[in-house]
């Protein structure tokens, strides 16, 4: 998440729960410039992608 600016990170039990939280947050925070993402954590851990 380095360089992402202000960030909120939430762990959820399921994709459905994550989508519900995203929908509610979007309704409560009326800012068209905010981005909401639902994704899975990587099971590969940390890796260097460039030097």
PDB file of N, CA and C in Angstrom:
ATOM      1  N   UNK A   1       0.823  -1.191   0.000  1.00  0.00           N
ATOM      2  CA  UNK A   1       0.000   0.000   0.000  1.00  0.00           C
ATOM      3  C   UNK A   1       0.868   1.256   0.000  1.00  0.00           C
ATOM      4  N   UNK A   2       2.152   1.117  -0.111  1.00  0.00           N
ATOM      5  CA  UNK A   2       3.052   2.265  -0.112  1.00  0.00           C
ATOM      6  C   UNK A   2       2.725   3.222  -1.250  1.00  0.00           C
ATOM      7  N   UNK A   3       2.645   4.510  -0.913  1.00  0.00           N
ATOM      8  CA  UNK A   3       2.363   5.518  -1.928  1.00  0.00           C
ATOM      9  C   UNK A   3       0.897   5.670  -2.281  1.00  0.00           C
ATOM     10  N   UNK A   4       0.030   4.983  -1.560  1.00  0.00           N
ATOM     11  CA  UNK A   4      -1.393   5.009  -1.904  1.00  0.00           C
ATOM     12  C   UNK A   4      -2.136   6.197  -1.306  1.00  0.00           C
ATOM     13  N   UNK A   5      -1.465   6.986  -0.472  1.00  0.00           N
ATOM     14  CA  UNK A   5      -2.149   8.100   0.183  1.00  0.00           C
ATOM     15  C   UNK A   5      -3.000   7.581   1.328  1.00  0.00           C
ATOM     16  N   UNK A   6      -3.962   8.390   1.802  1.00  0.00           N
ATOM     17  CA  UNK A   6      -4.838   7.946   2.889  1.00  0.00           C
ATOM     18  C   UNK A   6      -5.579   6.665   2.488  1.00  0.00           C
ATOM     19  N   UNK A   7      -5.536   5.670   3.356  1.00  0.00           N
ATOM     20  CA  UNK A   7      -6.067   4.354   3.006  1.00  0.00           C
ATOM     21  C   UNK A   7      -6.843   3.757   4.171  1.00  0.00           C
ATOM     22  N   UNK A   8      -7.940   3.076   3.862  1.00  0.00           N
ATOM     23  CA  UNK A   8      -8.666   2.266   4.835  1.00  0.00           C
ATOM     24  C   UNK A   8      -8.603   0.836   4.323  1.00  0.00           C
ATOM     25  N   UNK A   9      -8.176  -0.084   5.181  1.00  0.00           N
ATOM     26  CA  UNK A   9      -8.006  -1.485   4.816  1.00  0.00           C
ATOM     27  C   UNK A   9      -8.897  -2.299   5.737  1.00  0.00           C
ATOM     28  N   UNK A  10      -9.781  -3.114   5.168  1.00  0.00           N
ATOM     29  CA  UNK A  10     -10.726  -3.877   5.976  1.00  0.00           C
ATOM     30  C   UNK A  10     -10.644  -5.353   5.628  1.00  0.00           C
ATOM     31  N   UNK A  11     -10.574  -6.218   6.633  1.00  0.00           N
ATOM     32  CA  UNK A  11     -10.625  -7.663   6.420  1.00  0.00           C
ATOM     33  C   UNK A  11     -12.066  -8.120   6.583  1.00  0.00           C
ATOM     34  N   UNK A  12     -12.543  -8.934   5.654  1.00  0.00           N
ATOM     35  CA  UNK A  12     -13.933  -9.400   5.678  1.00  0.00           C
ATOM     36  C   UNK A  12     -13.985 -10.923   5.624  1.00  0.00           C
ATOM     37  N   UNK A  13     -15.106 -11.468   6.051  1.00  0.00           N
ATOM     38  CA  UNK A  13     -15.306 -12.914   6.045  1.00  0.00           C
ATOM     39  C   UNK A  13     -15.581 -13.464   4.644  1.00  0.00           C
ATOM     40  N   UNK A  14     -16.144 -12.619   3.761  1.00  0.00           N
ATOM     41  CA  UNK A  14     -16.529 -13.107   2.433  1.00  0.00           C
ATOM     42  C   UNK A  14     -16.546 -11.968   1.419  1.00  0.00           C
ATOM     43  N   UNK A  15     -16.591 -12.334   0.155  1.00  0.00           N
ATOM     44  CA  UNK A  15     -16.706 -11.360  -0.930  1.00  0.00           C
ATOM     45  C   UNK A  15     -18.016 -10.579  -0.786  1.00  0.00           C
ATOM     46  N   UNK A  16     -19.086 -11.265  -0.416  1.00  0.00           N
ATOM     47  CA  UNK A  16     -20.390 -10.618  -0.248  1.00  0.00           C
ATOM     48  C   UNK A  16     -20.338  -9.565   0.848  1.00  0.00           C
ATOM     49  N   UNK A  17     -19.724  -9.897   1.973  1.00  0.00           N
ATOM     50  CA  UNK A  17     -19.593  -8.939   3.068  1.00  0.00           C
ATOM     51  C   UNK A  17     -18.778  -7.724   2.620  1.00  0.00           C
ATOM     52  N   UNK A  18     -17.693  -7.958   1.896  1.00  0.00           N
ATOM     53  CA  UNK A  18     -16.850  -6.862   1.407  1.00  0.00           C
ATOM     54  C   UNK A  18     -17.626  -5.947   0.462  1.00  0.00           C
ATOM     55  N   UNK A  19     -18.397  -6.525  -0.436  1.00  0.00           N
ATOM     56  CA  UNK A  19     -19.191  -5.726  -1.375  1.00  0.00           C
ATOM     57  C   UNK A  19     -20.263  -4.914  -0.641  1.00  0.00           C
ATOM     58  N   UNK A  20     -20.849  -5.494   0.407  1.00  0.00           N
ATOM     59  CA  UNK A  20     -21.850  -4.782   1.205  1.00  0.00           C
ATOM     60  C   UNK A  20     -21.221  -3.589   1.915  1.00  0.00           C
ATOM     61  N   UNK A  21     -20.052  -3.788   2.509  1.00  0.00           N
ATOM     62  CA  UNK A  21     -19.345  -2.694   3.184  1.00  0.00           C
ATOM     63  C   UNK A  21     -18.985  -1.606   2.183  1.00  0.00           C
ATOM     64  N   UNK A  22     -18.526  -1.996   1.022  1.00  0.00           N
ATOM     65  CA  UNK A  22     -18.189  -1.035  -0.035  1.00  0.00           C
ATOM     66  C   UNK A  22     -19.413  -0.205  -0.423  1.00  0.00           C
ATOM     67  N   UNK A  23     -20.543  -0.864  -0.603  1.00  0.00           N
ATOM     68  CA  UNK A  23     -21.782  -0.172  -0.985  1.00  0.00           C
ATOM     69  C   UNK A  23     -22.196   0.832   0.091  1.00  0.00           C
ATOM     70  N   UNK A  24     -22.169   0.420   1.349  1.00  0.00           N
ATOM     71  CA  UNK A  24     -22.559   1.303   2.453  1.00  0.00           C
ATOM     72  C   UNK A  24     -21.595   2.481   2.561  1.00  0.00           C
ATOM     73  N   UNK A  25     -20.295   2.219   2.452  1.00  0.00           N
ATOM     74  CA  UNK A  25     -19.299   3.296   2.530  1.00  0.00           C
ATOM     75  C   UNK A  25     -19.517   4.309   1.412  1.00  0.00           C
ATOM     76  N   UNK A  26     -19.778   3.824   0.206  1.00  0.00           N
ATOM     77  CA  UNK A  26     -20.006   4.714  -0.931  1.00  0.00           C
ATOM     78  C   UNK A  26     -21.254   5.590  -0.705  1.00  0.00           C
ATOM     79  N   UNK A  27     -22.284   5.014  -0.089  1.00  0.00           N
ATOM     80  CA  UNK A  27     -23.503   5.778   0.205  1.00  0.00           C
ATOM     81  C   UNK A  27     -23.258   6.830   1.284  1.00  0.00           C
ATOM     82  N   UNK A  28     -22.448   6.504   2.288  1.00  0.00           N
ATOM     83  CA  UNK A  28     -22.204   7.411   3.413  1.00  0.00           C
ATOM     84  C   UNK A  28     -21.192   8.504   3.086  1.00  0.00           C
ATOM     85  N   UNK A  29     -20.217   8.187   2.243  1.00  0.00           N
ATOM     86  CA  UNK A  29     -19.153   9.135   1.907  1.00  0.00           C
ATOM     87  C   UNK A  29     -19.374   9.600   0.472  1.00  0.00           C
ATOM     88  N   UNK A  30     -20.016  10.731   0.332  1.00  0.00           N
ATOM     89  CA  UNK A  30     -20.389  11.225  -0.993  1.00  0.00           C
ATOM     90  C   UNK A  30     -19.254  12.041  -1.611  1.00  0.00           C
ATOM     91  N   UNK A  31     -18.207  11.362  -2.044  1.00  0.00           N
ATOM     92  CA  UNK A  31     -17.068  12.007  -2.698  1.00  0.00           C
ATOM     93  C   UNK A  31     -16.754  11.233  -3.976  1.00  0.00           C
ATOM     94  N   UNK A  32     -17.042  11.820  -5.144  1.00  0.00           N
ATOM     95  CA  UNK A  32     -16.827  11.108  -6.407  1.00  0.00           C
ATOM     96  C   UNK A  32     -15.353  10.814  -6.699  1.00  0.00           C
ATOM     97  N   UNK A  33     -14.432  11.444  -5.969  1.00  0.00           N
ATOM     98  CA  UNK A  33     -13.003  11.222  -6.200  1.00  0.00           C
ATOM     99  C   UNK A  33     -12.442  10.033  -5.423  1.00  0.00           C
ATOM    100  N   UNK A  34     -13.237   9.477  -4.507  1.00  0.00           N
ATOM    101  CA  UNK A  34     -12.770   8.322  -3.737  1.00  0.00           C
ATOM    102  C   UNK A  34     -12.880   7.050  -4.570  1.00  0.00           C
ATOM    103  N   UNK A  35     -11.895   6.182  -4.417  1.00  0.00           N
ATOM    104  CA  UNK A  35     -11.923   4.882  -5.079  1.00  0.00           C
ATOM    105  C   UNK A  35     -12.135   3.798  -4.031  1.00  0.00           C
ATOM    106  N   UNK A  36     -12.979   2.845  -4.341  1.00  0.00           N
ATOM    107  CA  UNK A  36     -13.241   1.706  -3.466  1.00  0.00           C
ATOM    108  C   UNK A  36     -12.832   0.442  -4.216  1.00  0.00           C
ATOM    109  N   UNK A  37     -12.076  -0.418  -3.557  1.00  0.00           N
ATOM    110  CA  UNK A  37     -11.609  -1.660  -4.171  1.00  0.00           C
ATOM    111  C   UNK A  37     -11.950  -2.839  -3.273  1.00  0.00           C
ATOM    112  N   UNK A  38     -12.374  -3.938  -3.877  1.00  0.00           N
ATOM    113  CA  UNK A  38     -12.549  -5.200  -3.168  1.00  0.00           C
ATOM    114  C   UNK A  38     -11.628  -6.200  -3.861  1.00  0.00           C
ATOM    115  N   UNK A  39     -10.722  -6.787  -3.097  1.00  0.00           N
ATOM    116  CA  UNK A  39      -9.753  -7.724  -3.668  1.00  0.00           C
ATOM    117  C   UNK A  39      -9.339  -8.741  -2.618  1.00  0.00           C
ATOM    118  N   UNK A  40      -8.564  -9.731  -3.022  1.00  0.00           N
ATOM    119  CA  UNK A  40      -8.059 -10.738  -2.095  1.00  0.00           C
ATOM    120  C   UNK A  40      -6.614 -10.428  -1.739  1.00  0.00           C
ATOM    121  N   UNK A  41      -6.199 -10.899  -0.563  1.00  0.00           N
ATOM    122  CA  UNK A  41      -4.797 -10.786  -0.171  1.00  0.00           C
ATOM    123  C   UNK A  41      -3.964 -11.777  -0.978  1.00  0.00           C
ATOM    124  N   UNK A  42      -2.733 -11.418  -1.242  1.00  0.00           N
ATOM    125  CA  UNK A  42      -1.809 -12.313  -1.935  1.00  0.00           C
ATOM    126  C   UNK A  42      -1.271 -13.348  -0.957  1.00  0.00           C
ATOM    127  N   UNK A  43      -1.267 -14.593  -1.349  1.00  0.00           N
ATOM    128  CA  UNK A  43      -0.701 -15.645  -0.497  1.00  0.00           C
ATOM    129  C   UNK A  43       0.793 -15.830  -0.767  1.00  0.00           C
ATOM    130  N   UNK A  44       1.360 -15.038  -1.699  1.00  0.00           N
ATOM    131  CA  UNK A  44       2.778 -15.152  -2.052  1.00  0.00           C
ATOM    132  C   UNK A  44       3.683 -14.341  -1.141  1.00  0.00           C
ATOM    133  N   UNK A  45       3.145 -13.466  -0.339  1.00  0.00           N
ATOM    134  CA  UNK A  45       3.962 -12.631   0.524  1.00  0.00           C
ATOM    135  C   UNK A  45       4.592 -11.479  -0.243  1.00  0.00           C
ATOM    136  N   UNK A  46       5.614 -10.883   0.339  1.00  0.00           N
ATOM    137  CA  UNK A  46       6.272  -9.713  -0.230  1.00  0.00           C
ATOM    138  C   UNK A  46       7.239 -10.141  -1.330  1.00  0.00           C
ATOM    139  N   UNK A  47       7.301  -9.344  -2.404  1.00  0.00           N
ATOM    140  CA  UNK A  47       8.280  -9.600  -3.460  1.00  0.00           C
ATOM    141  C   UNK A  47       8.750  -8.280  -4.052  1.00  0.00           C
ATOM    142  N   UNK A  48       9.972  -8.263  -4.564  1.00  0.00           N
ATOM    143  CA  UNK A  48      10.519  -7.077  -5.221  1.00  0.00           C
ATOM    144  C   UNK A  48      10.120  -7.139  -6.691  1.00  0.00           C
ATOM    145  N   UNK A  49       9.442  -6.091  -7.179  1.00  0.00           N
ATOM    146  CA  UNK A  49       9.011  -6.095  -8.576  1.00  0.00           C
ATOM    147  C   UNK A  49       9.928  -5.272  -9.468  1.00  0.00           C
ATOM    148  N   UNK A  50      10.763  -4.410  -8.871  1.00  0.00           N
ATOM    149  CA  UNK A  50      11.775  -3.675  -9.638  1.00  0.00           C
ATOM    150  C   UNK A  50      12.807  -3.104  -8.678  1.00  0.00           C
ATOM    151  N   UNK A  51      13.982  -2.815  -9.198  1.00  0.00           N
ATOM    152  CA  UNK A  51      15.036  -2.218  -8.366  1.00  0.00           C
ATOM    153  C   UNK A  51      15.501  -0.931  -8.981  1.00  0.00           C
TER     154      UNK A  51
END
